[in-house]
Amino acid sequence: MEGVSAMYCRECGSTVNQHDDFCLSCGFRPNQSSNYCQSCGEKTKAHQEMCVNCGEMLKSSGGEEFAGFWLRVAAVLIDSIVVAVPLNILSFIAIIILVFSLSGGSPNVDNGTQAQIALMCFIVYLLCGLITPFYYTIFHCSKWQATIGKKAVGIKVIDYNGGKISFWKSFGRYFGYVLSGMILGIGYIMAGFTKNKEALHDMMSSTLVIKKR
């Protein structure tokens, strides 16, 4: 479990915790301004995108517009189509292997060959099971911060500090996503009613889904 890490207030440069809503020194939201780098505290300019001192991309998360429920549904529909393509290809390969082995395509199939066929089918179905979790995990922690579906509709995933999430946080977020669907989809529907349009898996992984600027 990730601990609460420190950052610097972009308004006054004071040290704050990454989940603080307001800086105790100046009363501003920590990422509202653009005076200091949130990672190292170096002074920055108004339209600067990267800190020249530490190399971190500068975040200003105070004014984001959160992605609504239906926009997220549209992204999921696109992603479902994208994921379905490799799944269907692999499933077709597995079916061909099984049909060939059961139809006697090779008349003298010994036990060793049967074991190889079974292993091939197992590997294909294992790959099918890994495609979806790794698709969401890798894309959400990539420089896009979004799956193909999210990028198509103009939204992305950020952490509470406005930054890109790590691989492991992205991996955990996917299993939270699965849990959101297991309870009659209520976890997904929460995105339409919560303050920051957070679904259950967003709350579990401390992430937000915002519209790209």
C-alpha atoms as a PDB file:
ATOM      1  CA  MET A   1       0.000   0.000   0.000  1.00  0.00           C
ATOM      2  CA  GLU A   2       1.388   3.364  -0.981  1.00  0.00           C
ATOM      3  CA  GLY A   3       2.058   5.832   1.800  1.00  0.00           C
ATOM      4  CA  VAL A   4       1.164   9.498   1.775  1.00  0.00           C
ATOM      5  CA  SER A   5       4.085  11.263   0.056  1.00  0.00           C
ATOM      6  CA  ALA A   6       5.014  14.924   0.233  1.00  0.00           C
ATOM      7  CA  MET A   7       5.044  17.509  -2.520  1.00  0.00           C
ATOM      8  CA  TYR A   8       5.373  21.269  -2.756  1.00  0.00           C
ATOM      9  CA  CYS A   9       2.520  23.748  -3.003  1.00  0.00           C
ATOM     10  CA  ARG A  10       2.550  25.274  -6.481  1.00  0.00           C
ATOM     11  CA  GLU A  11       1.277  28.564  -5.045  1.00  0.00           C
ATOM     12  CA  CYS A  12       3.749  29.275  -2.217  1.00  0.00           C
ATOM     13  CA  GLY A  13       6.319  26.452  -2.352  1.00  0.00           C
ATOM     14  CA  SER A  14       5.571  25.052   1.118  1.00  0.00           C
ATOM     15  CA  THR A  15       5.671  21.303   1.740  1.00  0.00           C
ATOM     16  CA  VAL A  16       2.235  19.636   1.666  1.00  0.00           C
ATOM     17  CA  ASN A  17       0.912  16.086   1.555  1.00  0.00           C
ATOM     18  CA  GLN A  18      -0.201  14.951  -1.896  1.00  0.00           C
ATOM     19  CA  HIS A  19      -3.822  14.410  -0.811  1.00  0.00           C
ATOM     20  CA  ASP A  20      -4.248  17.778   0.962  1.00  0.00           C
ATOM     21  CA  ASP A  21      -7.096  19.869  -0.439  1.00  0.00           C
ATOM     22  CA  PHE A  22      -5.517  23.125   0.756  1.00  0.00           C
ATOM     23  CA  CYS A  23      -2.030  24.300   1.670  1.00  0.00           C
ATOM     24  CA  LEU A  24      -1.839  25.218   5.379  1.00  0.00           C
ATOM     25  CA  SER A  25       0.659  27.990   4.629  1.00  0.00           C
ATOM     26  CA  CYS A  26      -1.222  29.967   1.987  1.00  0.00           C
ATOM     27  CA  GLY A  27      -4.736  28.472   1.920  1.00  0.00           C
ATOM     28  CA  PHE A  28      -4.612  27.772  -1.826  1.00  0.00           C
ATOM     29  CA  ARG A  29      -5.157  24.385  -3.433  1.00  0.00           C
ATOM     30  CA  PRO A  30      -1.629  22.918  -3.741  1.00  0.00           C
ATOM     31  CA  ASN A  31      -1.744  22.516  -7.527  1.00  0.00           C
ATOM     32  CA  GLN A  32      -3.866  25.544  -8.358  1.00  0.00           C
ATOM     33  CA  SER A  33      -1.045  27.897  -9.292  1.00  0.00           C
ATOM     34  CA  SER A  34       2.158  27.654 -11.339  1.00  0.00           C
ATOM     35  CA  ASN A  35       4.834  29.326  -9.209  1.00  0.00           C
ATOM     36  CA  TYR A  36       6.757  26.274  -7.958  1.00  0.00           C
ATOM     37  CA  CYS A  37       7.494  22.709  -9.041  1.00  0.00           C
ATOM     38  CA  GLN A  38       5.301  20.264  -7.087  1.00  0.00           C
ATOM     39  CA  SER A  39       8.142  17.708  -6.991  1.00  0.00           C
ATOM     40  CA  CYS A  40      11.227  19.679  -5.902  1.00  0.00           C
ATOM     41  CA  GLY A  41       9.995  23.173  -4.981  1.00  0.00           C
ATOM     42  CA  GLU A  42      11.990  24.971  -7.695  1.00  0.00           C
ATOM     43  CA  LYS A  43      10.517  28.273  -8.913  1.00  0.00           C
ATOM     44  CA  THR A  44       8.737  27.990 -12.263  1.00  0.00           C
ATOM     45  CA  LYS A  45       7.182  30.276 -14.839  1.00  0.00           C
ATOM     46  CA  ALA A  46       3.483  30.586 -15.661  1.00  0.00           C
ATOM     47  CA  HIS A  47       3.415  28.515 -18.855  1.00  0.00           C
ATOM     48  CA  GLN A  48       6.368  26.227 -18.116  1.00  0.00           C
ATOM     49  CA  GLU A  49       5.591  22.551 -18.755  1.00  0.00           C
ATOM     50  CA  MET A  50       8.669  20.828 -17.295  1.00  0.00           C
ATOM     51  CA  CYS A  51      10.816  21.632 -14.254  1.00  0.00           C
ATOM     52  CA  VAL A  52      14.394  22.393 -15.400  1.00  0.00           C
ATOM     53  CA  ASN A  53      15.726  21.410 -11.976  1.00  0.00           C
ATOM     54  CA  CYS A  54      14.291  17.882 -11.503  1.00  0.00           C
ATOM     55  CA  GLY A  55      12.887  17.137 -14.973  1.00  0.00           C
ATOM     56  CA  GLU A  56       9.363  16.379 -13.719  1.00  0.00           C
ATOM     57  CA  MET A  57       6.347  17.455 -15.742  1.00  0.00           C
ATOM     58  CA  LEU A  58       4.571  20.273 -13.933  1.00  0.00           C
ATOM     59  CA  LYS A  59       1.027  19.586 -12.730  1.00  0.00           C
ATOM     60  CA  SER A  60      -1.796  22.012 -12.199  1.00  0.00           C
ATOM     61  CA  SER A  61      -4.763  19.902 -11.138  1.00  0.00           C
ATOM     62  CA  GLY A  62      -6.959  22.512  -9.510  1.00  0.00           C
ATOM     63  CA  GLY A  63      -9.060  23.285 -12.557  1.00  0.00           C
ATOM     64  CA  GLU A  64      -9.603  19.980 -14.289  1.00  0.00           C
ATOM     65  CA  GLU A  65     -12.979  18.981 -15.591  1.00  0.00           C
ATOM     66  CA  PHE A  66     -13.867  15.460 -14.516  1.00  0.00           C
ATOM     67  CA  ALA A  67     -15.036  12.960 -17.126  1.00  0.00           C
ATOM     68  CA  GLY A  68     -18.751  12.206 -16.891  1.00  0.00           C
ATOM     69  CA  PHE A  69     -20.415   8.799 -16.725  1.00  0.00           C
ATOM     70  CA  TRP A  70     -21.527   8.593 -20.371  1.00  0.00           C
ATOM     71  CA  LEU A  71     -18.165   9.738 -21.689  1.00  0.00           C
ATOM     72  CA  ARG A  72     -16.563   6.916 -19.736  1.00  0.00           C
ATOM     73  CA  VAL A  73     -19.149   4.463 -21.069  1.00  0.00           C
ATOM     74  CA  ALA A  74     -18.236   5.486 -24.628  1.00  0.00           C
ATOM     75  CA  ALA A  75     -14.550   4.819 -23.846  1.00  0.00           C
ATOM     76  CA  VAL A  76     -15.398   1.371 -22.453  1.00  0.00           C
ATOM     77  CA  LEU A  77     -17.361   0.460 -25.586  1.00  0.00           C
ATOM     78  CA  ILE A  78     -14.415   1.388 -27.808  1.00  0.00           C
ATOM     79  CA  ASP A  79     -12.002  -0.521 -25.581  1.00  0.00           C
ATOM     80  CA  SER A  80     -14.268  -3.575 -25.684  1.00  0.00           C
ATOM     81  CA  ILE A  81     -13.995  -3.614 -29.479  1.00  0.00           C
ATOM     82  CA  VAL A  82     -10.209  -3.125 -29.367  1.00  0.00           C
ATOM     83  CA  VAL A  83      -9.717  -5.969 -26.877  1.00  0.00           C
ATOM     84  CA  ALA A  84     -12.144  -8.239 -28.740  1.00  0.00           C
ATOM     85  CA  VAL A  85      -9.936  -8.337 -31.859  1.00  0.00           C
ATOM     86  CA  PRO A  86      -6.919 -10.182 -30.357  1.00  0.00           C
ATOM     87  CA  LEU A  87      -9.224 -12.281 -28.158  1.00  0.00           C
ATOM     88  CA  ASN A  88     -11.155 -13.501 -31.198  1.00  0.00           C
ATOM     89  CA  ILE A  89      -7.957 -14.236 -33.104  1.00  0.00           C
ATOM     90  CA  LEU A  90      -6.509 -16.295 -30.242  1.00  0.00           C
ATOM     91  CA  SER A  91      -9.815 -18.083 -29.656  1.00  0.00           C
ATOM     92  CA  PHE A  92      -9.956 -18.962 -33.369  1.00  0.00           C
ATOM     93  CA  ILE A  93      -6.435 -20.400 -33.162  1.00  0.00           C
ATOM     94  CA  ALA A  94      -7.404 -22.514 -30.151  1.00  0.00           C
ATOM     95  CA  ILE A  95     -10.520 -23.819 -31.932  1.00  0.00           C
ATOM     96  CA  ILE A  96      -8.471 -24.755 -35.030  1.00  0.00           C
ATOM     97  CA  ILE A  97      -5.995 -26.671 -32.858  1.00  0.00           C
ATOM     98  CA  LEU A  98      -8.791 -28.555 -31.096  1.00  0.00           C
ATOM     99  CA  VAL A  99     -10.721 -29.323 -34.290  1.00  0.00           C
ATOM    100  CA  PHE A 100      -7.585 -30.596 -36.006  1.00  0.00           C
ATOM    101  CA  SER A 101      -6.698 -32.867 -33.094  1.00  0.00           C
ATOM    102  CA  LEU A 102     -10.235 -34.241 -32.630  1.00  0.00           C
ATOM    103  CA  SER A 103     -10.969 -34.756 -36.312  1.00  0.00           C
ATOM    104  CA  GLY A 104      -8.065 -37.096 -36.750  1.00  0.00           C
ATOM    105  CA  GLY A 105      -6.173 -34.667 -38.962  1.00  0.00           C
ATOM    106  CA  SER A 106      -3.101 -36.600 -37.919  1.00  0.00           C
ATOM    107  CA  PRO A 107      -4.053 -40.303 -37.888  1.00  0.00           C
ATOM    108  CA  ASN A 108      -1.264 -41.472 -35.607  1.00  0.00           C
ATOM    109  CA  VAL A 109      -1.456 -39.083 -32.698  1.00  0.00           C
ATOM    110  CA  ASP A 110       0.495 -40.501 -29.782  1.00  0.00           C
ATOM    111  CA  ASN A 111       0.275 -39.456 -26.142  1.00  0.00           C
ATOM    112  CA  GLY A 112       3.186 -37.058 -26.501  1.00  0.00           C
ATOM    113  CA  THR A 113       1.533 -35.238 -29.374  1.00  0.00           C
ATOM    114  CA  GLN A 114      -1.765 -35.035 -27.462  1.00  0.00           C
ATOM    115  CA  ALA A 115       0.095 -33.492 -24.537  1.00  0.00           C
ATOM    116  CA  GLN A 116       1.658 -30.912 -26.869  1.00  0.00           C
ATOM    117  CA  ILE A 117      -1.751 -30.032 -28.311  1.00  0.00           C
ATOM    118  CA  ALA A 118      -3.203 -29.669 -24.805  1.00  0.00           C
ATOM    119  CA  LEU A 119      -0.267 -27.433 -23.804  1.00  0.00           C
ATOM    120  CA  MET A 120      -0.730 -25.247 -26.888  1.00  0.00           C
ATOM    121  CA  CYS A 121      -4.423 -24.797 -26.119  1.00  0.00           C
ATOM    122  CA  PHE A 122      -3.605 -23.966 -22.504  1.00  0.00           C
ATOM    123  CA  ILE A 123      -1.087 -21.312 -23.575  1.00  0.00           C
ATOM    124  CA  VAL A 124      -3.554 -19.765 -26.022  1.00  0.00           C
ATOM    125  CA  TYR A 125      -6.319 -19.556 -23.405  1.00  0.00           C
ATOM    126  CA  LEU A 126      -3.849 -18.212 -20.845  1.00  0.00           C
ATOM    127  CA  LEU A 127      -2.934 -15.417 -23.263  1.00  0.00           C
ATOM    128  CA  CYS A 128      -6.647 -14.703 -23.722  1.00  0.00           C
ATOM    129  CA  GLY A 129      -6.983 -14.277 -19.970  1.00  0.00           C
ATOM    130  CA  LEU A 130      -4.012 -11.902 -19.766  1.00  0.00           C
ATOM    131  CA  ILE A 131      -4.904  -9.594 -22.659  1.00  0.00           C
ATOM    132  CA  THR A 132      -7.605  -7.560 -20.904  1.00  0.00           C
ATOM    133  CA  PRO A 133      -5.848  -6.865 -17.565  1.00  0.00           C
ATOM    134  CA  PHE A 134      -2.560  -5.990 -19.240  1.00  0.00           C
ATOM    135  CA  TYR A 135      -4.273  -3.847 -21.871  1.00  0.00           C
ATOM    136  CA  TYR A 136      -5.821  -1.621 -19.201  1.00  0.00           C
ATOM    137  CA  THR A 137      -2.771  -1.740 -16.932  1.00  0.00           C
ATOM    138  CA  ILE A 138      -0.164  -0.819 -19.532  1.00  0.00           C
ATOM    139  CA  PHE A 139      -2.176   1.890 -21.274  1.00  0.00           C
ATOM    140  CA  HIS A 140      -3.274   3.627 -18.059  1.00  0.00           C
ATOM    141  CA  CYS A 141       0.322   3.954 -16.830  1.00  0.00           C
ATOM    142  CA  SER A 142       1.685   4.895 -20.261  1.00  0.00           C
ATOM    143  CA  LYS A 143       2.466   8.440 -21.411  1.00  0.00           C
ATOM    144  CA  TRP A 144      -1.078   8.553 -22.824  1.00  0.00           C
ATOM    145  CA  GLN A 145      -2.493   7.913 -19.326  1.00  0.00           C
ATOM    146  CA  ALA A 146      -5.406   6.422 -21.209  1.00  0.00           C
ATOM    147  CA  THR A 147      -6.561   3.373 -23.092  1.00  0.00           C
ATOM    148  CA  ILE A 148      -7.311   3.675 -26.808  1.00  0.00           C
ATOM    149  CA  GLY A 149     -10.979   4.231 -25.939  1.00  0.00           C
ATOM    150  CA  LYS A 150     -10.230   6.962 -23.403  1.00  0.00           C
ATOM    151  CA  LYS A 151      -7.837   8.686 -25.773  1.00  0.00           C
ATOM    152  CA  ALA A 152     -10.469   8.576 -28.531  1.00  0.00           C
ATOM    153  CA  VAL A 153     -13.022  10.406 -26.363  1.00  0.00           C
ATOM    154  CA  GLY A 154     -10.463  12.792 -24.850  1.00  0.00           C
ATOM    155  CA  ILE A 155     -10.129  11.633 -21.242  1.00  0.00           C
ATOM    156  CA  LYS A 156      -7.262  10.270 -19.128  1.00  0.00           C
ATOM    157  CA  VAL A 157      -6.446   8.796 -15.700  1.00  0.00           C
ATOM    158  CA  ILE A 158      -4.447  10.759 -13.108  1.00  0.00           C
ATOM    159  CA  ASP A 159      -3.523  10.302  -9.454  1.00  0.00           C
ATOM    160  CA  TYR A 160      -4.632  12.743  -6.752  1.00  0.00           C
ATOM    161  CA  ASN A 161      -1.531  14.825  -7.440  1.00  0.00           C
ATOM    162  CA  GLY A 162      -2.479  15.224 -11.080  1.00  0.00           C
ATOM    163  CA  GLY A 163       0.297  12.939 -12.288  1.00  0.00           C
ATOM    164  CA  LYS A 164       0.690   9.682 -14.185  1.00  0.00           C
ATOM    165  CA  ILE A 165      -0.065   6.559 -12.168  1.00  0.00           C
ATOM    166  CA  SER A 166       2.499   3.789 -11.635  1.00  0.00           C
ATOM    167  CA  PHE A 167       2.341   0.318 -13.166  1.00  0.00           C
ATOM    168  CA  TRP A 168       1.306  -1.315  -9.881  1.00  0.00           C
ATOM    169  CA  LYS A 169      -1.339   1.288  -9.130  1.00  0.00           C
ATOM    170  CA  SER A 170      -2.676   0.769 -12.655  1.00  0.00           C
ATOM    171  CA  PHE A 171      -2.617  -3.003 -12.134  1.00  0.00           C
ATOM    172  CA  GLY A 172      -4.537  -2.694  -8.867  1.00  0.00           C
ATOM    173  CA  ARG A 173      -6.986  -0.269 -10.472  1.00  0.00           C
ATOM    174  CA  TYR A 174      -7.932  -2.916 -13.039  1.00  0.00           C
ATOM    175  CA  PHE A 175      -8.905  -5.408 -10.327  1.00  0.00           C
ATOM    176  CA  GLY A 176     -10.889  -2.661  -8.633  1.00  0.00           C
ATOM    177  CA  TYR A 177     -12.573  -2.196 -12.016  1.00  0.00           C
ATOM    178  CA  VAL A 178     -13.519  -5.875 -12.041  1.00  0.00           C
ATOM    179  CA  LEU A 179     -14.914  -5.542  -8.513  1.00  0.00           C
ATOM    180  CA  SER A 180     -16.966  -2.516  -9.592  1.00  0.00           C
ATOM    181  CA  GLY A 181     -18.740  -4.725 -12.113  1.00  0.00           C
ATOM    182  CA  MET A 182     -19.240  -7.674  -9.787  1.00  0.00           C
ATOM    183  CA  ILE A 183     -21.646  -5.791  -7.512  1.00  0.00           C
ATOM    184  CA  LEU A 184     -24.353  -5.360 -10.174  1.00  0.00           C
ATOM    185  CA  GLY A 185     -22.348  -2.600 -11.856  1.00  0.00           C
ATOM    186  CA  ILE A 186     -22.973  -0.246  -8.928  1.00  0.00           C
ATOM    187  CA  GLY A 187     -19.256   0.543  -8.787  1.00  0.00           C
ATOM    188  CA  TYR A 188     -19.438   1.942 -12.325  1.00  0.00           C
ATOM    189  CA  ILE A 189     -22.694   3.829 -11.759  1.00  0.00           C
ATOM    190  CA  MET A 190     -21.112   5.674  -8.807  1.00  0.00           C
ATOM    191  CA  ALA A 191     -19.211   7.784 -11.364  1.00  0.00           C
ATOM    192  CA  GLY A 192     -22.495   9.470 -12.249  1.00  0.00           C
ATOM    193  CA  PHE A 193     -23.244  10.590  -8.689  1.00  0.00           C
ATOM    194  CA  THR A 194     -20.010  11.161  -6.765  1.00  0.00           C
ATOM    195  CA  LYS A 195     -18.520  14.635  -6.329  1.00  0.00           C
ATOM    196  CA  ASN A 196     -15.474  14.111  -8.558  1.00  0.00           C
ATOM    197  CA  LYS A 197     -17.252  11.576 -10.790  1.00  0.00           C
ATOM    198  CA  GLU A 198     -15.278   8.748  -9.198  1.00  0.00           C
ATOM    199  CA  ALA A 199     -16.241   5.136  -9.743  1.00  0.00           C
ATOM    200  CA  LEU A 200     -15.538   2.588  -7.019  1.00  0.00           C
ATOM    201  CA  HIS A 201     -12.247   1.530  -8.640  1.00  0.00           C
ATOM    202  CA  ASP A 202     -11.140   5.180  -8.742  1.00  0.00           C
ATOM    203  CA  MET A 203     -11.693   5.481  -5.005  1.00  0.00           C
ATOM    204  CA  MET A 204      -9.911   2.194  -4.321  1.00  0.00           C
ATOM    205  CA  SER A 205      -6.840   3.236  -6.325  1.00  0.00           C
ATOM    206  CA  SER A 206      -6.884   6.979  -5.507  1.00  0.00           C
ATOM    207  CA  THR A 207      -7.283   8.005  -9.141  1.00  0.00           C
ATOM    208  CA  LEU A 208      -9.422  10.445 -11.096  1.00  0.00           C
ATOM    209  CA  VAL A 209     -10.588  10.462 -14.711  1.00  0.00           C
ATOM    210  CA  ILE A 210     -10.463  13.911 -16.293  1.00  0.00           C
ATOM    211  CA  LYS A 211     -11.042  15.508 -19.678  1.00  0.00           C
ATOM    212  CA  LYS A 212      -7.870  16.361 -21.548  1.00  0.00           C
ATOM    213  CA  ARG A 213      -7.180  20.028 -22.065  1.00  0.00           C
END
